[in-house]
């Protein structure tokens, strides 16, 4: 506990260049990681309704798409 009684002396300025370079590299890496593959906006950010349906046999996608278009859902993704 003797180390708590003395005045601490940390030389932060000595490592300022290392800290600035590593911080800049990590910030650049974060920006590249966000924009390189592109953002994948889920339903939370694009708005809309998600409906999941299960079928016992393979679904006929063309009839499902035409049914949704007839019902007024022009931009539905199936």
PDB file of N, CA and C in Angstrom:
ATOM      1  N   UNK A   1       0.810  -1.193   0.000  1.00  0.00           N
ATOM      2  CA  UNK A   1       0.000   0.000   0.000  1.00  0.00           C
ATOM      3  C   UNK A   1       0.851   1.253   0.000  1.00  0.00           C
ATOM      4  N   UNK A   2       2.149   1.097   0.020  1.00  0.00           N
ATOM      5  CA  UNK A   2       3.020   2.258   0.051  1.00  0.00           C
ATOM      6  C   UNK A   2       2.969   3.038  -1.264  1.00  0.00           C
ATOM      7  N   UNK A   3       2.659   2.392  -2.363  1.00  0.00           N
ATOM      8  CA  UNK A   3       2.624   3.085  -3.647  1.00  0.00           C
ATOM      9  C   UNK A   3       1.470   4.076  -3.736  1.00  0.00           C
ATOM     10  N   UNK A   4       0.491   3.972  -2.847  1.00  0.00           N
ATOM     11  CA  UNK A   4      -0.617   4.930  -2.824  1.00  0.00           C
ATOM     12  C   UNK A   4      -0.238   6.232  -2.125  1.00  0.00           C
ATOM     13  N   UNK A   5       0.786   6.211  -1.321  1.00  0.00           N
ATOM     14  CA  UNK A   5       1.150   7.410  -0.562  1.00  0.00           C
ATOM     15  C   UNK A   5       1.995   8.376  -1.379  1.00  0.00           C
ATOM     16  N   UNK A   6       2.717   7.907  -2.371  1.00  0.00           N
ATOM     17  CA  UNK A   6       3.574   8.775  -3.168  1.00  0.00           C
ATOM     18  C   UNK A   6       2.780   9.515  -4.245  1.00  0.00           C
ATOM     19  N   UNK A   7       3.402  10.522  -4.811  1.00  0.00           N
ATOM     20  CA  UNK A   7       2.789  11.278  -5.894  1.00  0.00           C
ATOM     21  C   UNK A   7       3.021  10.530  -7.199  1.00  0.00           C
ATOM     22  N   UNK A   8       1.958  10.156  -7.911  1.00  0.00           N
ATOM     23  CA  UNK A   8       2.148   9.422  -9.166  1.00  0.00           C
ATOM     24  C   UNK A   8       2.747  10.333 -10.242  1.00  0.00           C
ATOM     25  N   UNK A   9       3.612   9.762 -11.040  1.00  0.00           N
ATOM     26  CA  UNK A   9       4.257  10.529 -12.094  1.00  0.00           C
ATOM     27  C   UNK A   9       4.238   9.686 -13.370  1.00  0.00           C
ATOM     28  N   UNK A  10       3.215   9.890 -14.210  1.00  0.00           N
ATOM     29  CA  UNK A  10       3.085   9.168 -15.461  1.00  0.00           C
ATOM     30  C   UNK A  10       3.427  10.113 -16.601  1.00  0.00           C
ATOM     31  N   UNK A  11       4.298   9.704 -17.468  1.00  0.00           N
ATOM     32  CA  UNK A  11       4.728  10.541 -18.576  1.00  0.00           C
ATOM     33  C   UNK A  11       3.859  10.225 -19.802  1.00  0.00           C
ATOM     34  N   UNK A  12       2.666  10.832 -19.849  1.00  0.00           N
ATOM     35  CA  UNK A  12       1.744  10.589 -20.946  1.00  0.00           C
ATOM     36  C   UNK A  12       2.213  11.227 -22.246  1.00  0.00           C
ATOM     37  N   UNK A  13       2.873  12.346 -22.156  1.00  0.00           N
ATOM     38  CA  UNK A  13       3.288  13.088 -23.339  1.00  0.00           C
ATOM     39  C   UNK A  13       4.340  12.317 -24.131  1.00  0.00           C
ATOM     40  N   UNK A  14       5.085  11.484 -23.474  1.00  0.00           N
ATOM     41  CA  UNK A  14       6.140  10.712 -24.132  1.00  0.00           C
ATOM     42  C   UNK A  14       5.560   9.792 -25.209  1.00  0.00           C
ATOM     43  N   UNK A  15       4.381   9.263 -25.001  1.00  0.00           N
ATOM     44  CA  UNK A  15       3.776   8.300 -25.926  1.00  0.00           C
ATOM     45  C   UNK A  15       2.648   8.911 -26.754  1.00  0.00           C
ATOM     46  N   UNK A  16       2.630  10.223 -26.922  1.00  0.00           N
ATOM     47  CA  UNK A  16       1.529  10.869 -27.632  1.00  0.00           C
ATOM     48  C   UNK A  16       1.501  10.498 -29.112  1.00  0.00           C
ATOM     49  N   UNK A  17       2.665  10.370 -29.742  1.00  0.00           N
ATOM     50  CA  UNK A  17       2.689  10.027 -31.168  1.00  0.00           C
ATOM     51  C   UNK A  17       2.194   8.605 -31.401  1.00  0.00           C
ATOM     52  N   UNK A  18       2.605   7.698 -30.559  1.00  0.00           N
ATOM     53  CA  UNK A  18       2.140   6.314 -30.669  1.00  0.00           C
ATOM     54  C   UNK A  18       0.632   6.256 -30.475  1.00  0.00           C
ATOM     55  N   UNK A  19       0.123   6.994 -29.518  1.00  0.00           N
ATOM     56  CA  UNK A  19      -1.316   6.999 -29.254  1.00  0.00           C
ATOM     57  C   UNK A  19      -2.086   7.632 -30.409  1.00  0.00           C
ATOM     58  N   UNK A  20      -1.573   8.710 -30.978  1.00  0.00           N
ATOM     59  CA  UNK A  20      -2.276   9.368 -32.083  1.00  0.00           C
ATOM     60  C   UNK A  20      -2.257   8.503 -33.341  1.00  0.00           C
ATOM     61  N   UNK A  21      -1.141   7.860 -33.620  1.00  0.00           N
ATOM     62  CA  UNK A  21      -1.050   6.994 -34.800  1.00  0.00           C
ATOM     63  C   UNK A  21      -1.966   5.788 -34.650  1.00  0.00           C
ATOM     64  N   UNK A  22      -1.942   5.143 -33.497  1.00  0.00           N
ATOM     65  CA  UNK A  22      -2.804   3.967 -33.307  1.00  0.00           C
ATOM     66  C   UNK A  22      -4.278   4.359 -33.304  1.00  0.00           C
ATOM     67  N   UNK A  23      -4.608   5.494 -32.742  1.00  0.00           N
ATOM     68  CA  UNK A  23      -5.989   5.959 -32.752  1.00  0.00           C
ATOM     69  C   UNK A  23      -6.442   6.287 -34.169  1.00  0.00           C
ATOM     70  N   UNK A  24      -5.581   6.911 -34.948  1.00  0.00           N
ATOM     71  CA  UNK A  24      -5.922   7.235 -36.338  1.00  0.00           C
ATOM     72  C   UNK A  24      -6.099   5.975 -37.170  1.00  0.00           C
ATOM     73  N   UNK A  25      -5.221   4.998 -36.981  1.00  0.00           N
ATOM     74  CA  UNK A  25      -5.344   3.749 -37.732  1.00  0.00           C
ATOM     75  C   UNK A  25      -6.618   2.994 -37.369  1.00  0.00           C
ATOM     76  N   UNK A  26      -6.952   2.956 -36.100  1.00  0.00           N
ATOM     77  CA  UNK A  26      -8.177   2.278 -35.687  1.00  0.00           C
ATOM     78  C   UNK A  26      -9.420   3.001 -36.193  1.00  0.00           C
ATOM     79  N   UNK A  27      -9.387   4.327 -36.212  1.00  0.00           N
ATOM     80  CA  UNK A  27     -10.519   5.088 -36.745  1.00  0.00           C
ATOM     81  C   UNK A  27     -10.674   4.855 -38.239  1.00  0.00           C
ATOM     82  N   UNK A  28      -9.570   4.852 -38.966  1.00  0.00           N
ATOM     83  CA  UNK A  28      -9.614   4.586 -40.398  1.00  0.00           C
ATOM     84  C   UNK A  28     -10.120   3.171 -40.674  1.00  0.00           C
ATOM     85  N   UNK A  29      -9.685   2.219 -39.886  1.00  0.00           N
ATOM     86  CA  UNK A  29     -10.145   0.841 -40.028  1.00  0.00           C
ATOM     87  C   UNK A  29     -11.649   0.736 -39.775  1.00  0.00           C
ATOM     88  N   UNK A  30     -12.151   1.474 -38.810  1.00  0.00           N
ATOM     89  CA  UNK A  30     -13.582   1.452 -38.516  1.00  0.00           C
ATOM     90  C   UNK A  30     -14.384   2.053 -39.669  1.00  0.00           C
ATOM     91  N   UNK A  31     -13.902   3.132 -40.252  1.00  0.00           N
ATOM     92  CA  UNK A  31     -14.600   3.750 -41.380  1.00  0.00           C
ATOM     93  C   UNK A  31     -14.599   2.809 -42.584  1.00  0.00           C
ATOM     94  N   UNK A  32     -13.464   2.171 -42.852  1.00  0.00           N
ATOM     95  CA  UNK A  32     -13.379   1.227 -43.970  1.00  0.00           C
ATOM     96  C   UNK A  32     -14.300   0.037 -43.726  1.00  0.00           C
ATOM     97  N   UNK A  33     -14.362  -0.443 -42.502  1.00  0.00           N
ATOM     98  CA  UNK A  33     -15.210  -1.592 -42.182  1.00  0.00           C
ATOM     99  C   UNK A  33     -16.687  -1.274 -42.367  1.00  0.00           C
ATOM    100  N   UNK A  34     -17.076  -0.029 -42.176  1.00  0.00           N
ATOM    101  CA  UNK A  34     -18.476   0.346 -42.342  1.00  0.00           C
ATOM    102  C   UNK A  34     -18.822   0.488 -43.822  1.00  0.00           C
ATOM    103  N   UNK A  35     -17.944   1.124 -44.611  1.00  0.00           N
ATOM    104  CA  UNK A  35     -18.285   1.447 -45.983  1.00  0.00           C
ATOM    105  C   UNK A  35     -17.831   0.427 -47.017  1.00  0.00           C
ATOM    106  N   UNK A  36     -16.902  -0.449 -46.713  1.00  0.00           N
ATOM    107  CA  UNK A  36     -16.414  -1.399 -47.706  1.00  0.00           C
ATOM    108  C   UNK A  36     -17.500  -2.373 -48.163  1.00  0.00           C
ATOM    109  N   UNK A  37     -18.104  -3.169 -47.283  1.00  0.00           N
ATOM    110  CA  UNK A  37     -19.151  -4.064 -47.789  1.00  0.00           C
ATOM    111  C   UNK A  37     -20.479  -3.346 -47.962  1.00  0.00           C
ATOM    112  N   UNK A  38     -20.611  -2.159 -47.441  1.00  0.00           N
ATOM    113  CA  UNK A  38     -21.885  -1.444 -47.507  1.00  0.00           C
ATOM    114  C   UNK A  38     -22.742  -1.802 -46.312  1.00  0.00           C
ATOM    115  N   UNK A  39     -23.634  -0.918 -45.981  1.00  0.00           N
ATOM    116  CA  UNK A  39     -24.511  -1.168 -44.847  1.00  0.00           C
ATOM    117  C   UNK A  39     -25.682  -2.021 -45.296  1.00  0.00           C
ATOM    118  N   UNK A  40     -26.013  -2.999 -44.504  1.00  0.00           N
ATOM    119  CA  UNK A  40     -27.127  -3.877 -44.793  1.00  0.00           C
ATOM    120  C   UNK A  40     -28.292  -3.453 -43.902  1.00  0.00           C
ATOM    121  N   UNK A  41     -29.143  -2.600 -44.459  1.00  0.00           N
ATOM    122  CA  UNK A  41     -30.274  -2.112 -43.677  1.00  0.00           C
ATOM    123  C   UNK A  41     -31.304  -3.223 -43.540  1.00  0.00           C
ATOM    124  N   UNK A  42     -31.637  -3.550 -42.328  1.00  0.00           N
ATOM    125  CA  UNK A  42     -32.661  -4.545 -42.088  1.00  0.00           C
ATOM    126  C   UNK A  42     -34.032  -3.901 -42.072  1.00  0.00           C
ATOM    127  N   UNK A  43     -34.997  -4.635 -41.694  1.00  0.00           N
ATOM    128  CA  UNK A  43     -36.362  -4.152 -41.633  1.00  0.00           C
ATOM    129  C   UNK A  43     -36.510  -3.015 -40.634  1.00  0.00           C
ATOM    130  N   UNK A  44     -35.655  -2.989 -39.633  1.00  0.00           N
ATOM    131  CA  UNK A  44     -35.715  -1.940 -38.616  1.00  0.00           C
ATOM    132  C   UNK A  44     -35.497  -0.560 -39.208  1.00  0.00           C
ATOM    133  N   UNK A  45     -34.623  -0.455 -40.211  1.00  0.00           N
ATOM    134  CA  UNK A  45     -34.260   0.841 -40.755  1.00  0.00           C
ATOM    135  C   UNK A  45     -34.989   1.169 -42.059  1.00  0.00           C
ATOM    136  N   UNK A  46     -35.468   0.180 -42.776  1.00  0.00           N
ATOM    137  CA  UNK A  46     -36.135   0.447 -44.043  1.00  0.00           C
ATOM    138  C   UNK A  46     -37.637   0.586 -43.871  1.00  0.00           C
ATOM    139  N   UNK A  47     -38.179   0.074 -42.810  1.00  0.00           N
ATOM    140  CA  UNK A  47     -39.619   0.140 -42.587  1.00  0.00           C
ATOM    141  C   UNK A  47     -40.320  -0.986 -43.323  1.00  0.00           C
ATOM    142  N   UNK A  48     -41.502  -1.288 -42.904  1.00  0.00           N
ATOM    143  CA  UNK A  48     -42.261  -2.335 -43.576  1.00  0.00           C
ATOM    144  C   UNK A  48     -42.713  -3.413 -42.620  1.00  0.00           C
ATOM    145  N   UNK A  49     -43.170  -4.489 -43.212  1.00  0.00           N
ATOM    146  CA  UNK A  49     -43.710  -5.608 -42.438  1.00  0.00           C
ATOM    147  C   UNK A  49     -43.012  -6.876 -42.891  1.00  0.00           C
ATOM    148  N   UNK A  50     -42.673  -7.715 -41.951  1.00  0.00           N
ATOM    149  CA  UNK A  50     -42.051  -8.993 -42.244  1.00  0.00           C
ATOM    150  C   UNK A  50     -43.055 -10.089 -41.913  1.00  0.00           C
ATOM    151  N   UNK A  51     -43.334 -10.924 -42.909  1.00  0.00           N
ATOM    152  CA  UNK A  51     -44.235 -12.057 -42.712  1.00  0.00           C
ATOM    153  C   UNK A  51     -43.481 -13.310 -43.127  1.00  0.00           C
ATOM    154  N   UNK A  52     -43.414 -14.272 -42.229  1.00  0.00           N
ATOM    155  CA  UNK A  52     -42.753 -15.532 -42.543  1.00  0.00           C
ATOM    156  C   UNK A  52     -43.815 -16.623 -42.617  1.00  0.00           C
ATOM    157  N   UNK A  53     -43.748 -17.400 -43.688  1.00  0.00           N
ATOM    158  CA  UNK A  53     -44.706 -18.494 -43.877  1.00  0.00           C
ATOM    159  C   UNK A  53     -43.936 -19.776 -44.140  1.00  0.00           C
ATOM    160  N   UNK A  54     -44.409 -20.865 -43.596  1.00  0.00           N
ATOM    161  CA  UNK A  54     -43.787 -22.155 -43.817  1.00  0.00           C
ATOM    162  C   UNK A  54     -44.664 -23.024 -44.701  1.00  0.00           C
ATOM    163  N   UNK A  55     -44.053 -23.800 -45.553  1.00  0.00           N
ATOM    164  CA  UNK A  55     -44.772 -24.682 -46.468  1.00  0.00           C
ATOM    165  C   UNK A  55     -44.291 -26.110 -46.263  1.00  0.00           C
ATOM    166  N   UNK A  56     -45.201 -27.058 -46.431  1.00  0.00           N
ATOM    167  CA  UNK A  56     -44.820 -28.460 -46.280  1.00  0.00           C
ATOM    168  C   UNK A  56     -44.125 -28.980 -47.529  1.00  0.00           C
ATOM    169  N   UNK A  57     -44.382 -28.373 -48.669  1.00  0.00           N
ATOM    170  CA  UNK A  57     -43.692 -28.740 -49.915  1.00  0.00           C
ATOM    171  C   UNK A  57     -43.102 -27.474 -50.521  1.00  0.00           C
ATOM    172  N   UNK A  58     -42.269 -27.586 -51.521  1.00  0.00           N
ATOM    173  CA  UNK A  58     -41.633 -26.392 -52.087  1.00  0.00           C
ATOM    174  C   UNK A  58     -42.659 -25.351 -52.542  1.00  0.00           C
ATOM    175  N   UNK A  59     -42.382 -24.110 -52.222  1.00  0.00           N
ATOM    176  CA  UNK A  59     -43.307 -23.024 -52.537  1.00  0.00           C
ATOM    177  C   UNK A  59     -43.189 -22.629 -53.999  1.00  0.00           C
ATOM    178  N   UNK A  60     -44.332 -22.262 -54.584  1.00  0.00           N
ATOM    179  CA  UNK A  60     -44.361 -21.777 -55.959  1.00  0.00           C
ATOM    180  C   UNK A  60     -44.230 -20.256 -55.912  1.00  0.00           C
ATOM    181  N   UNK A  61     -43.025 -19.779 -56.109  1.00  0.00           N
ATOM    182  CA  UNK A  61     -42.723 -18.362 -55.924  1.00  0.00           C
ATOM    183  C   UNK A  61     -43.464 -17.470 -56.911  1.00  0.00           C
ATOM    184  N   UNK A  62     -43.646 -17.926 -58.159  1.00  0.00           N
ATOM    185  CA  UNK A  62     -44.328 -17.090 -59.149  1.00  0.00           C
ATOM    186  C   UNK A  62     -45.784 -16.834 -58.767  1.00  0.00           C
ATOM    187  N   UNK A  63     -46.464 -17.848 -58.271  1.00  0.00           N
ATOM    188  CA  UNK A  63     -47.861 -17.654 -57.876  1.00  0.00           C
ATOM    189  C   UNK A  63     -47.963 -16.789 -56.614  1.00  0.00           C
ATOM    190  N   UNK A  64     -47.000 -16.911 -55.722  1.00  0.00           N
ATOM    191  CA  UNK A  64     -46.999 -16.083 -54.519  1.00  0.00           C
ATOM    192  C   UNK A  64     -46.762 -14.621 -54.895  1.00  0.00           C
ATOM    193  N   UNK A  65     -45.802 -14.376 -55.790  1.00  0.00           N
ATOM    194  CA  UNK A  65     -45.528 -13.007 -56.230  1.00  0.00           C
ATOM    195  C   UNK A  65     -46.731 -12.398 -56.939  1.00  0.00           C
ATOM    196  N   UNK A  66     -47.362 -13.154 -57.812  1.00  0.00           N
ATOM    197  CA  UNK A  66     -48.526 -12.616 -58.533  1.00  0.00           C
ATOM    198  C   UNK A  66     -49.695 -12.370 -57.579  1.00  0.00           C
ATOM    199  N   UNK A  67     -49.859 -13.219 -56.595  1.00  0.00           N
ATOM    200  CA  UNK A  67     -50.906 -13.008 -55.607  1.00  0.00           C
ATOM    201  C   UNK A  67     -50.671 -11.755 -54.771  1.00  0.00           C
ATOM    202  N   UNK A  68     -49.426 -11.522 -54.407  1.00  0.00           N
ATOM    203  CA  UNK A  68     -49.100 -10.317 -53.650  1.00  0.00           C
ATOM    204  C   UNK A  68     -49.273  -9.060 -54.503  1.00  0.00           C
ATOM    205  N   UNK A  69     -48.909  -9.135 -55.764  1.00  0.00           N
ATOM    206  CA  UNK A  69     -49.086  -7.992 -56.659  1.00  0.00           C
ATOM    207  C   UNK A  69     -50.568  -7.698 -56.851  1.00  0.00           C
ATOM    208  N   UNK A  70     -51.377  -8.724 -57.003  1.00  0.00           N
ATOM    209  CA  UNK A  70     -52.833  -8.541 -57.147  1.00  0.00           C
ATOM    210  C   UNK A  70     -53.448  -7.951 -55.875  1.00  0.00           C
ATOM    211  N   UNK A  71     -52.849  -8.252 -54.726  1.00  0.00           N
ATOM    212  CA  UNK A  71     -53.369  -7.742 -53.458  1.00  0.00           C
ATOM    213  C   UNK A  71     -52.913  -6.312 -53.179  1.00  0.00           C
ATOM    214  N   UNK A  72     -52.029  -5.758 -54.035  1.00  0.00           N
ATOM    215  CA  UNK A  72     -51.615  -4.371 -53.863  1.00  0.00           C
ATOM    216  C   UNK A  72     -50.233  -4.193 -53.275  1.00  0.00           C
ATOM    217  N   UNK A  73     -49.507  -5.266 -53.123  1.00  0.00           N
ATOM    218  CA  UNK A  73     -48.133  -5.188 -52.606  1.00  0.00           C
ATOM    219  C   UNK A  73     -47.177  -5.222 -53.787  1.00  0.00           C
ATOM    220  N   UNK A  74     -46.934  -4.067 -54.374  1.00  0.00           N
ATOM    221  CA  UNK A  74     -46.147  -3.979 -55.605  1.00  0.00           C
ATOM    222  C   UNK A  74     -44.675  -4.352 -55.399  1.00  0.00           C
ATOM    223  N   UNK A  75     -44.083  -3.925 -54.317  1.00  0.00           N
ATOM    224  CA  UNK A  75     -42.639  -4.125 -54.117  1.00  0.00           C
ATOM    225  C   UNK A  75     -42.326  -5.188 -53.074  1.00  0.00           C
ATOM    226  N   UNK A  76     -43.143  -6.206 -53.004  1.00  0.00           N
ATOM    227  CA  UNK A  76     -42.911  -7.281 -52.027  1.00  0.00           C
ATOM    228  C   UNK A  76     -41.725  -8.125 -52.455  1.00  0.00           C
ATOM    229  N   UNK A  77     -40.928  -8.542 -51.497  1.00  0.00           N
ATOM    230  CA  UNK A  77     -39.794  -9.416 -51.762  1.00  0.00           C
ATOM    231  C   UNK A  77     -40.136 -10.812 -51.280  1.00  0.00           C
ATOM    232  N   UNK A  78     -40.040 -11.762 -52.177  1.00  0.00           N
ATOM    233  CA  UNK A  78     -40.378 -13.143 -51.848  1.00  0.00           C
ATOM    234  C   UNK A  78     -39.120 -13.970 -51.964  1.00  0.00           C
TER     235      UNK A  78
END
